[in-house]
Amino acid sequence: MKKVHDVLQVVSKDADGKAELPISMLVKKFKYLPNSYKENIKRLSEETLDLIATDVFDMKNLDELKRYFVK
């Protein structure tokens, strides 16, 4: 069984874990998330990550994520 401390260390390695929630939500909804999308999500601002976490409920397909990756 993993200790809370061990889990927190893993989560904190990724921008304080902020990207993990939207990634998990997207995987749960679409059953698959390409690694390239995961990498793009990890590079996004906290504000954009919050938007994705809210908008995921209205997304119909993964292509809708591309609008968040535009620079």
N, C-alpha and C. Protein backbone atom coordinates (compact mmCIF):
# COMPACT_ATOMS: atom_id res chain seq x y z
N MET A 1 0.84 -1.18 0.00
CA MET A 1 0.00 0.00 0.00
C MET A 1 0.88 1.25 0.00
N LYS A 2 0.56 2.20 -0.86
CA LYS A 2 1.34 3.43 -0.96
C LYS A 2 1.04 4.35 0.22
N LYS A 3 2.06 5.02 0.66
CA LYS A 3 1.90 6.00 1.73
C LYS A 3 1.51 7.34 1.11
N VAL A 4 0.78 8.12 1.86
CA VAL A 4 0.34 9.43 1.37
C VAL A 4 1.53 10.27 0.94
N HIS A 5 2.60 10.23 1.70
CA HIS A 5 3.79 11.00 1.38
C HIS A 5 4.34 10.62 0.00
N ASP A 6 4.38 9.33 -0.31
CA ASP A 6 4.88 8.86 -1.60
C ASP A 6 4.00 9.34 -2.74
N VAL A 7 2.70 9.30 -2.55
CA VAL A 7 1.76 9.75 -3.57
C VAL A 7 1.91 11.25 -3.79
N LEU A 8 2.04 12.01 -2.73
CA LEU A 8 2.17 13.46 -2.84
C LEU A 8 3.45 13.85 -3.57
N GLN A 9 4.51 13.11 -3.36
CA GLN A 9 5.76 13.41 -4.05
C GLN A 9 5.61 13.24 -5.55
N VAL A 10 4.93 12.20 -5.97
CA VAL A 10 4.72 11.95 -7.39
C VAL A 10 3.87 13.05 -7.99
N VAL A 11 2.80 13.42 -7.31
CA VAL A 11 1.89 14.45 -7.81
C VAL A 11 2.60 15.80 -7.89
N SER A 12 3.42 16.13 -6.90
CA SER A 12 4.06 17.44 -6.88
C SER A 12 5.10 17.62 -7.98
N LYS A 13 5.56 16.55 -8.58
CA LYS A 13 6.55 16.65 -9.65
C LYS A 13 5.95 17.28 -10.90
N ASP A 14 4.66 17.26 -11.03
CA ASP A 14 3.99 17.75 -12.24
C ASP A 14 3.24 19.05 -11.91
N ALA A 15 3.97 20.16 -11.91
CA ALA A 15 3.36 21.49 -11.68
C ALA A 15 2.39 21.45 -10.51
N ASP A 16 2.87 20.94 -9.41
CA ASP A 16 2.06 20.81 -8.20
C ASP A 16 0.82 19.95 -8.43
N GLY A 17 0.89 19.08 -9.39
CA GLY A 17 -0.21 18.15 -9.63
C GLY A 17 -1.40 18.75 -10.33
N LYS A 18 -1.30 20.00 -10.70
CA LYS A 18 -2.45 20.69 -11.29
C LYS A 18 -2.90 20.03 -12.59
N ALA A 19 -1.98 19.51 -13.38
CA ALA A 19 -2.34 18.91 -14.66
C ALA A 19 -2.94 17.52 -14.49
N GLU A 20 -2.69 16.87 -13.38
CA GLU A 20 -3.16 15.49 -13.21
C GLU A 20 -4.68 15.38 -13.17
N LEU A 21 -5.35 16.34 -12.57
CA LEU A 21 -6.81 16.26 -12.49
C LEU A 21 -7.46 16.33 -13.87
N PRO A 22 -7.18 17.35 -14.68
CA PRO A 22 -7.81 17.34 -16.00
C PRO A 22 -7.41 16.14 -16.85
N ILE A 23 -6.17 15.67 -16.72
CA ILE A 23 -5.76 14.49 -17.46
C ILE A 23 -6.58 13.28 -17.04
N SER A 24 -6.73 13.09 -15.75
CA SER A 24 -7.54 11.96 -15.24
C SER A 24 -8.98 12.06 -15.69
N MET A 25 -9.52 13.26 -15.66
CA MET A 25 -10.91 13.46 -16.08
C MET A 25 -11.10 13.13 -17.55
N LEU A 26 -10.14 13.55 -18.37
CA LEU A 26 -10.21 13.28 -19.81
C LEU A 26 -10.07 11.79 -20.10
N VAL A 27 -9.17 11.12 -19.40
CA VAL A 27 -9.01 9.67 -19.59
C VAL A 27 -10.29 8.94 -19.19
N LYS A 28 -10.88 9.37 -18.10
CA LYS A 28 -12.12 8.72 -17.64
C LYS A 28 -13.24 8.93 -18.65
N LYS A 29 -13.34 10.13 -19.19
CA LYS A 29 -14.42 10.43 -20.14
C LYS A 29 -14.21 9.75 -21.49
N PHE A 30 -13.00 9.83 -22.03
CA PHE A 30 -12.75 9.35 -23.39
C PHE A 30 -12.06 7.99 -23.46
N LYS A 31 -11.69 7.44 -22.31
CA LYS A 31 -11.06 6.12 -22.20
C LYS A 31 -9.63 6.07 -22.74
N TYR A 32 -9.19 7.14 -23.39
CA TYR A 32 -7.84 7.18 -23.95
C TYR A 32 -7.44 8.64 -24.14
N LEU A 33 -6.18 8.92 -23.86
CA LEU A 33 -5.65 10.25 -24.10
C LEU A 33 -4.23 10.08 -24.63
N PRO A 34 -3.99 10.51 -25.86
CA PRO A 34 -2.65 10.34 -26.44
C PRO A 34 -1.59 11.02 -25.58
N ASN A 35 -0.40 10.45 -25.56
CA ASN A 35 0.70 11.02 -24.79
C ASN A 35 1.01 12.45 -25.22
N SER A 36 0.87 12.74 -26.49
CA SER A 36 1.14 14.10 -26.97
C SER A 36 0.17 15.10 -26.33
N TYR A 37 -1.07 14.69 -26.14
CA TYR A 37 -2.05 15.55 -25.48
C TYR A 37 -1.67 15.74 -24.01
N LYS A 38 -1.23 14.65 -23.37
CA LYS A 38 -0.83 14.75 -21.96
C LYS A 38 0.32 15.72 -21.79
N GLU A 39 1.29 15.63 -22.69
CA GLU A 39 2.45 16.53 -22.63
C GLU A 39 2.03 17.98 -22.85
N ASN A 40 1.14 18.20 -23.80
CA ASN A 40 0.64 19.55 -24.05
C ASN A 40 -0.10 20.10 -22.83
N ILE A 41 -0.89 19.27 -22.21
CA ILE A 41 -1.65 19.69 -21.03
C ILE A 41 -0.71 20.06 -19.89
N LYS A 42 0.34 19.32 -19.72
CA LYS A 42 1.30 19.60 -18.64
C LYS A 42 2.00 20.94 -18.82
N ARG A 43 2.02 21.47 -20.03
CA ARG A 43 2.68 22.74 -20.31
C ARG A 43 1.74 23.94 -20.19
N LEU A 44 0.47 23.69 -19.96
CA LEU A 44 -0.52 24.78 -19.91
C LEU A 44 -0.49 25.53 -18.59
N SER A 45 -1.01 26.73 -18.61
CA SER A 45 -1.09 27.54 -17.40
C SER A 45 -2.16 26.97 -16.46
N GLU A 46 -2.08 27.35 -15.20
CA GLU A 46 -3.08 26.89 -14.23
C GLU A 46 -4.47 27.35 -14.63
N GLU A 47 -4.55 28.54 -15.17
CA GLU A 47 -5.85 29.08 -15.61
C GLU A 47 -6.46 28.21 -16.70
N THR A 48 -5.65 27.81 -17.66
CA THR A 48 -6.13 26.96 -18.75
C THR A 48 -6.48 25.57 -18.24
N LEU A 49 -5.71 25.04 -17.31
CA LEU A 49 -6.02 23.73 -16.73
C LEU A 49 -7.37 23.76 -16.02
N ASP A 50 -7.66 24.86 -15.33
CA ASP A 50 -8.96 25.01 -14.68
C ASP A 50 -10.09 25.04 -15.71
N LEU A 51 -9.85 25.72 -16.82
CA LEU A 51 -10.85 25.77 -17.89
C LEU A 51 -11.14 24.38 -18.44
N ILE A 52 -10.09 23.61 -18.68
CA ILE A 52 -10.27 22.25 -19.20
C ILE A 52 -11.06 21.41 -18.21
N ALA A 53 -10.72 21.52 -16.93
CA ALA A 53 -11.40 20.72 -15.91
C ALA A 53 -12.89 21.05 -15.85
N THR A 54 -13.24 22.28 -16.16
CA THR A 54 -14.65 22.67 -16.19
C THR A 54 -15.31 22.28 -17.51
N ASP A 55 -14.60 22.51 -18.61
CA ASP A 55 -15.17 22.27 -19.93
C ASP A 55 -15.27 20.79 -20.31
N VAL A 56 -14.55 19.93 -19.62
CA VAL A 56 -14.54 18.51 -19.97
C VAL A 56 -15.96 17.92 -19.96
N PHE A 57 -16.83 18.47 -19.14
CA PHE A 57 -18.20 17.96 -19.06
C PHE A 57 -18.99 18.20 -20.35
N ASP A 58 -18.60 19.21 -21.11
CA ASP A 58 -19.30 19.55 -22.34
C ASP A 58 -18.61 19.03 -23.60
N MET A 59 -17.42 18.49 -23.46
CA MET A 59 -16.67 18.01 -24.62
C MET A 59 -17.29 16.75 -25.21
N LYS A 60 -17.33 16.73 -26.53
CA LYS A 60 -17.89 15.57 -27.23
C LYS A 60 -16.79 14.65 -27.76
N ASN A 61 -15.58 15.23 -28.03
CA ASN A 61 -14.48 14.42 -28.53
C ASN A 61 -13.14 15.09 -28.18
N LEU A 62 -12.08 14.33 -28.33
CA LEU A 62 -10.75 14.82 -27.97
C LEU A 62 -10.27 15.96 -28.85
N ASP A 63 -10.77 16.06 -30.06
CA ASP A 63 -10.36 17.15 -30.94
C ASP A 63 -10.66 18.51 -30.35
N GLU A 64 -11.64 18.58 -29.48
CA GLU A 64 -11.99 19.85 -28.85
C GLU A 64 -10.88 20.38 -27.94
N LEU A 65 -9.98 19.52 -27.55
CA LEU A 65 -8.85 19.93 -26.70
C LEU A 65 -7.85 20.80 -27.46
N LYS A 66 -7.79 20.65 -28.75
CA LYS A 66 -6.79 21.36 -29.56
C LYS A 66 -6.88 22.87 -29.38
N ARG A 67 -8.05 23.39 -29.11
CA ARG A 67 -8.19 24.84 -28.96
C ARG A 67 -7.41 25.38 -27.76
N TYR A 68 -7.13 24.53 -26.79
CA TYR A 68 -6.37 24.95 -25.61
C TYR A 68 -4.86 24.93 -25.87
N PHE A 69 -4.45 24.23 -26.91
CA PHE A 69 -3.03 24.10 -27.22
C PHE A 69 -2.52 25.19 -28.16
N VAL A 70 -3.40 25.99 -28.69
CA VAL A 70 -3.02 27.06 -29.60
C VAL A 70 -2.23 28.10 -28.82
N LYS A 71 -1.10 28.51 -29.39
CA LYS A 71 -0.25 29.49 -28.70
C LYS A 71 -0.48 30.87 -29.22
